Protein backbone atom coordinates (compact mmCIF):
# COMPACT_ATOMS: atom_id res chain seq x y z
CA MET A 1 -5.44 32.59 -15.08
CA GLN A 2 -5.92 29.24 -13.76
CA LYS A 3 -9.34 28.20 -12.28
CA GLN A 4 -9.04 28.46 -8.44
CA ASN A 5 -9.89 24.88 -6.68
CA ASN A 6 -11.12 25.53 -2.96
CA LEU A 7 -12.56 22.77 -1.28
CA ALA A 8 -16.37 23.23 -1.30
CA VAL A 9 -18.03 23.42 2.51
CA VAL A 10 -21.21 21.31 2.72
CA GLU A 11 -24.16 21.80 5.19
CA THR A 12 -24.24 18.53 8.20
CA PRO A 13 -25.43 18.62 11.53
CA LYS A 14 -22.36 19.89 14.42
CA PHE A 15 -19.66 17.06 14.63
CA GLU A 16 -20.05 16.17 18.29
CA LEU A 17 -16.61 14.95 19.52
CA ALA A 18 -16.26 11.82 21.76
CA VAL A 19 -12.34 10.75 21.89
CA LEU A 20 -10.78 9.89 25.21
CA ASP A 21 -9.56 13.12 27.34
CA GLY A 22 -5.73 12.80 28.15
CA ALA A 23 -5.19 10.60 25.35
CA ASN A 24 -1.62 9.36 24.85
CA GLN A 25 -0.02 6.52 23.35
CA GLU A 26 1.31 4.23 26.49
CA ASN A 27 -2.50 4.74 28.34
CA LEU A 28 -4.52 3.99 24.81
CA GLU A 29 -2.40 0.77 24.09
CA GLU A 30 -3.05 -0.17 27.68
CA LEU A 31 -6.68 0.44 27.66
CA ILE A 32 -6.75 -1.73 24.18
CA LYS A 33 -4.88 -4.26 25.68
CA GLU A 34 -6.45 -4.73 29.04
CA ASN A 35 -9.98 -4.91 27.36
CA PHE A 36 -9.42 -6.72 24.27
CA GLY A 37 -6.38 -8.86 24.99
CA ASP A 38 -4.30 -9.31 21.77
CA VAL A 39 -6.29 -8.98 19.15
CA GLU A 40 -4.75 -6.76 16.40
CA ILE A 41 -6.05 -3.03 16.99
CA THR A 42 -7.76 -2.17 13.48
CA SER A 43 -9.75 -5.43 13.91
CA ILE A 44 -11.53 -3.82 16.87
CA PHE A 45 -13.20 -0.46 14.30
CA ASP A 46 -15.61 -0.90 12.01
CA ARG A 47 -14.88 -1.53 8.47
CA VAL A 48 -16.55 0.23 5.97
CA LYS A 49 -17.26 -1.86 2.16
CA PHE A 50 -16.50 0.47 -0.79
CA PRO A 51 -19.91 -0.50 -3.03
CA THR A 52 -19.93 -2.21 -6.40
CA GLY A 53 -21.40 -1.63 -9.82
CA GLY A 54 -21.93 2.01 -9.28
CA ALA A 55 -23.89 2.01 -6.33
CA LEU A 56 -23.88 4.89 -4.05
CA ASN A 57 -23.93 3.33 -0.75
CA PHE A 58 -21.29 2.31 1.71
CA GLU A 59 -21.50 -0.78 3.48
CA LEU A 60 -21.55 -0.46 7.62
CA PRO A 61 -21.54 -3.88 9.47
CA GLY A 62 -24.92 -3.71 11.46
CA GLU A 63 -26.64 -6.29 13.97
CA ASP A 64 -27.14 -8.47 11.57
CA PRO A 65 -24.22 -9.59 9.47
CA GLU A 66 -26.41 -10.32 6.51
CA ASN A 67 -28.03 -7.01 6.25
CA PRO A 68 -25.42 -4.53 6.43
CA VAL A 69 -26.19 -0.57 7.10
CA LEU A 70 -26.27 1.10 3.88
CA VAL A 71 -25.64 5.03 4.09
CA PRO A 72 -24.20 7.42 0.92
CA GLU A 73 -21.55 8.96 2.57
CA ILE A 74 -19.57 8.92 5.87
CA VAL A 75 -19.21 12.61 8.01
CA GLY A 76 -16.19 12.74 10.27
CA VAL A 77 -12.69 13.81 10.89
CA ILE A 78 -9.65 12.02 9.32
CA LEU A 79 -7.43 10.60 12.07
CA ASP A 80 -4.65 9.05 9.77
CA HIS A 81 -4.49 7.52 6.44
CA HIS A 82 -1.68 4.85 4.46
CA ARG A 83 -1.38 3.72 1.79
CA VAL A 84 -1.99 -0.48 1.29
CA ASN A 85 -0.82 -2.61 -1.37
CA ALA A 86 -1.72 -6.32 -2.41
CA TYR A 87 -0.93 -8.54 -4.75
CA TRP A 88 -3.16 -11.84 -5.84
CA PRO A 89 -1.20 -14.34 -8.34
CA GLY A 90 -4.47 -14.80 -10.26
CA GLU A 91 -7.52 -12.47 -10.72
CA PHE A 92 -9.18 -10.84 -7.70
CA THR A 93 -12.58 -12.01 -7.09
CA GLY A 94 -13.51 -10.83 -3.49
CA GLU A 95 -14.14 -12.39 -0.42
CA GLY A 96 -12.33 -15.88 0.38
CA ASN A 97 -9.44 -15.07 -2.48
CA PRO A 98 -6.90 -13.26 -0.04
CA PRO A 99 -3.92 -11.95 -1.37
CA GLN A 100 -0.42 -13.43 -2.14
CA CYS A 101 1.43 -10.95 -0.52
CA TYR A 102 0.31 -7.67 1.21
CA SER A 103 2.08 -4.49 2.61
CA HIS A 104 0.26 -2.43 5.22
CA ASP A 105 2.12 0.60 4.53
CA GLY A 106 2.61 0.30 0.87
CA VAL A 107 6.29 -0.02 1.45
CA HIS A 108 7.40 -3.59 2.75
CA GLY A 109 5.36 -6.41 1.11
CA MET A 110 5.07 -9.69 3.20
CA GLY A 111 4.48 -13.00 1.76
CA ASN A 112 5.46 -13.98 -1.84
CA PRO A 113 7.22 -12.24 -3.23
CA GLY A 114 7.86 -9.87 -0.42
CA GLY A 115 10.41 -7.16 0.19
CA LEU A 116 10.25 -3.65 -0.80
CA CYS A 117 7.21 -2.47 -3.07
CA ALA A 118 8.96 0.59 -4.76
CA THR A 119 11.60 -2.31 -6.21
CA CYS A 120 9.25 -4.88 -7.05
CA PRO A 121 8.16 -5.60 -10.93
CA LEU A 122 4.92 -7.04 -9.64
CA ASN A 123 4.46 -2.84 -8.59
CA LYS A 124 4.67 -1.72 -12.23
CA PRO A 125 2.32 -0.47 -14.62
CA GLY A 126 2.54 -2.87 -17.32
CA THR A 127 3.06 -5.91 -15.49
CA LYS A 128 -0.66 -6.98 -15.75
CA GLY A 129 -1.62 -5.41 -19.31
CA GLU A 130 -0.61 -2.04 -21.19
CA LYS A 131 -1.20 0.09 -18.01
CA ARG A 132 -1.96 -2.22 -15.03
CA LYS A 133 -0.51 -3.11 -12.08
CA ALA A 134 -0.38 -6.94 -10.90
CA CYS A 135 -0.30 -5.35 -7.32
CA LYS A 136 -2.98 -3.38 -6.10
CA ASN A 137 -2.19 0.08 -4.87
CA MET A 138 -5.06 1.28 -2.13
CA TRP A 139 -5.60 3.44 0.62
CA LYS A 140 -6.90 3.11 4.47
CA LEU A 141 -8.28 6.07 6.07
CA TYR A 142 -9.31 5.81 9.62
CA VAL A 143 -12.66 8.48 10.29
CA LEU A 144 -13.74 9.45 13.75
CA THR A 145 -17.36 9.94 12.95
CA SER A 146 -19.43 12.34 15.71
CA GLY A 147 -20.07 10.69 18.72
CA GLU A 148 -18.20 7.81 18.90
CA ALA A 149 -14.79 7.00 20.40
CA PHE A 150 -12.62 4.64 17.83
CA PRO A 151 -13.15 5.50 13.80
CA MET A 152 -13.95 3.43 11.20
CA GLU A 153 -11.45 1.76 8.90
CA LEU A 154 -11.97 2.77 4.85
CA THR A 155 -10.09 1.15 2.42
CA LEU A 156 -10.02 3.03 -0.57
CA PRO A 157 -9.80 1.09 -4.01
CA PRO A 158 -7.47 2.18 -7.01
CA THR A 159 -10.22 4.39 -8.59
CA SER A 160 -10.41 6.68 -5.79
CA LEU A 161 -6.85 7.21 -5.33
CA ASN A 162 -6.61 10.08 -7.34
CA ALA A 163 -9.74 11.80 -6.07
CA PHE A 164 -8.02 11.48 -2.40
CA TYR A 165 -4.87 13.00 -3.80
CA ARG A 166 -6.69 16.03 -5.45
CA PHE A 167 -8.16 16.81 -2.17
CA LEU A 168 -5.25 16.59 -0.66
CA LYS A 169 -3.72 19.23 -2.52
CA ALA A 170 -6.50 21.41 -1.95
CA PHE A 171 -6.71 20.97 1.48
CA THR A 172 -2.97 21.24 2.26
CA PHE A 173 -2.54 24.58 -0.60
CA ARG A 174 -5.70 26.10 -0.80
CA ASN A 175 -7.36 25.93 2.84
CA ARG A 176 -4.03 25.66 4.75
CA LEU A 177 -5.84 22.72 7.43
CA LYS A 178 -4.21 20.00 8.70
CA LEU A 179 -5.96 16.72 7.92
CA HIS A 180 -7.64 15.95 11.45
CA GLN A 181 -8.36 19.57 11.89
CA ALA A 182 -11.37 19.71 9.74
CA VAL A 183 -14.69 17.61 9.21
CA VAL A 184 -14.98 15.61 6.14
CA LYS A 185 -17.83 14.75 3.98
CA ILE A 186 -16.61 11.21 2.36
CA GLY A 187 -19.24 10.43 -0.78
CA LEU A 188 -20.06 8.87 -3.89
CA LYS A 189 -20.26 9.16 -7.74
CA ARG A 190 -21.13 7.04 -10.06
CA VAL A 191 -18.76 7.29 -13.06
CA LYS A 192 -17.49 5.02 -16.36
CA ASN A 193 -14.38 2.95 -17.57
CA ALA A 194 -13.31 3.18 -21.09
CA ASN A 195 -15.55 0.08 -21.64
CA ASN A 196 -18.34 2.03 -20.48
CA ILE A 197 -19.10 0.26 -17.22
CA PRO A 198 -20.08 2.26 -14.40
CA TYR A 199 -18.25 2.14 -10.70
CA ALA A 200 -18.36 4.01 -7.71
CA GLU A 201 -15.25 6.43 -7.14
CA ALA A 202 -15.02 8.52 -3.33
CA THR A 203 -15.69 12.26 -3.51
CA PHE A 204 -14.60 14.60 -0.73
CA ALA A 205 -16.09 17.63 0.77
CA VAL A 206 -15.12 20.11 4.05
CA VAL A 207 -18.01 20.23 6.12
CA GLU A 208 -16.46 22.49 9.26
CA LYS A 209 -13.36 23.43 10.67
CA LEU A 210 -12.80 22.45 14.60
CA GLY A 211 -12.87 24.97 16.89
CA ASP A 212 -9.47 25.23 18.91
CA GLU A 213 -10.46 22.91 21.65
CA GLN A 214 -11.98 20.25 19.48
CA TYR A 215 -8.90 20.64 17.45
CA GLY A 216 -6.61 20.42 20.58
CA LYS A 217 -8.36 17.03 21.76
CA VAL A 218 -8.41 15.39 18.24
CA LYS A 219 -4.76 16.54 17.38
CA GLU A 220 -3.77 14.72 20.84
CA TYR A 221 -5.71 11.17 20.07
CA ALA A 222 -4.32 11.15 16.56
CA GLU A 223 -0.58 11.41 17.49
CA ALA A 224 -1.56 8.40 20.08
CA LEU A 225 -3.58 6.62 17.52
CA LYS A 226 -1.18 6.62 14.59
CA PRO A 227 1.86 4.48 16.00
CA ILE A 228 -0.72 1.99 16.55
CA LEU A 229 -2.58 2.43 13.36
CA ARG A 230 0.98 2.45 11.60
CA ARG A 231 1.87 -0.99 13.29
CA PRO A 232 2.92 -3.91 11.11
CA PRO A 233 -0.34 -6.38 11.71
CA ALA A 234 1.49 -9.93 13.30
CA ILE A 235 -0.44 -11.75 10.53
CA ARG A 236 -0.13 -13.49 7.51
CA PRO A 237 -0.98 -12.16 4.29
CA SER A 238 -4.01 -14.70 3.86
CA GLU A 239 -5.85 -13.17 6.85
CA ALA A 240 -5.30 -9.80 5.57
CA ALA A 241 -8.36 -7.62 5.35
CA VAL A 242 -8.85 -5.91 1.99
CA ASP A 243 -12.49 -4.80 2.13
CA ILE A 244 -12.87 -3.63 -1.53
CA PRO A 245 -15.10 -4.92 -3.78
CA ALA A 246 -13.86 -7.25 -6.94
CA GLU A 247 -15.78 -5.23 -9.39
CA GLU A 248 -13.82 -1.99 -8.22
CA VAL A 249 -10.43 -3.62 -8.39
CA ALA A 250 -10.81 -3.95 -11.97
CA GLN A 251 -12.17 -1.01 -12.62
CA GLY A 252 -9.08 0.52 -10.98
CA ASP A 253 -6.48 -1.43 -13.17
CA GLN A 254 -8.48 0.19 -16.56
CA ALA A 255 -8.68 3.81 -15.12
CA PHE A 256 -5.29 3.68 -13.60
CA GLU A 257 -2.93 6.53 -13.33
CA GLU A 258 0.71 6.46 -11.35
CA LEU A 259 0.14 8.53 -8.27
CA PRO A 260 2.85 11.30 -7.67
CA PHE A 261 3.33 10.28 -4.29
């Protein structure tokens, strides 16, 4: 008999909803434009940084840029998520080494070589070693935490994509929930690659299912925000924000498994 893989429900303080009442795409865009001008929408969100070297704390921006806030987990509602691809012609070394080609949706790349990601030879296993891809496949999550009006932006490195995919399968087919219908805890666990080098992998667990009233507000807010989040940024690839450490990209190359979606 196949083992059941229901998602675990964990205990955490009650989720407090602070989304904008009556939010829709038109008035939300107007509000953002009025208050923030013509800045890219995602630049107003706090960006979560993934840890390096098997550390088990996310980094959140604090009042002092040199001293980020370390947290072992992020708890909130995933309002939206989408693919992100990035290509570096050499080895990715982290901050200060921007991609040469970047795709905000995992479908269309901008820069060099640019074009359709599905047919790009750099997005095929074996283009950088036996299984490695020259292009790095990542995933962005927009997580609305308790008491906040705007979501955080978390980029999952290649090493965590299969964990997220397994979570989505269980969430959809076992729990029969829509993604922004429940509060989720995103944590970290330490694993090792084939060379016995430790790195962090994201973990996911359901905290609670939202009540009908809360879900109605979150759903409306998520639907208003989604077209804005999915809009390709009007930036050059060299200005693309890729908040994952070089070490995690390298680990992901070695632990790569082709995703079935």
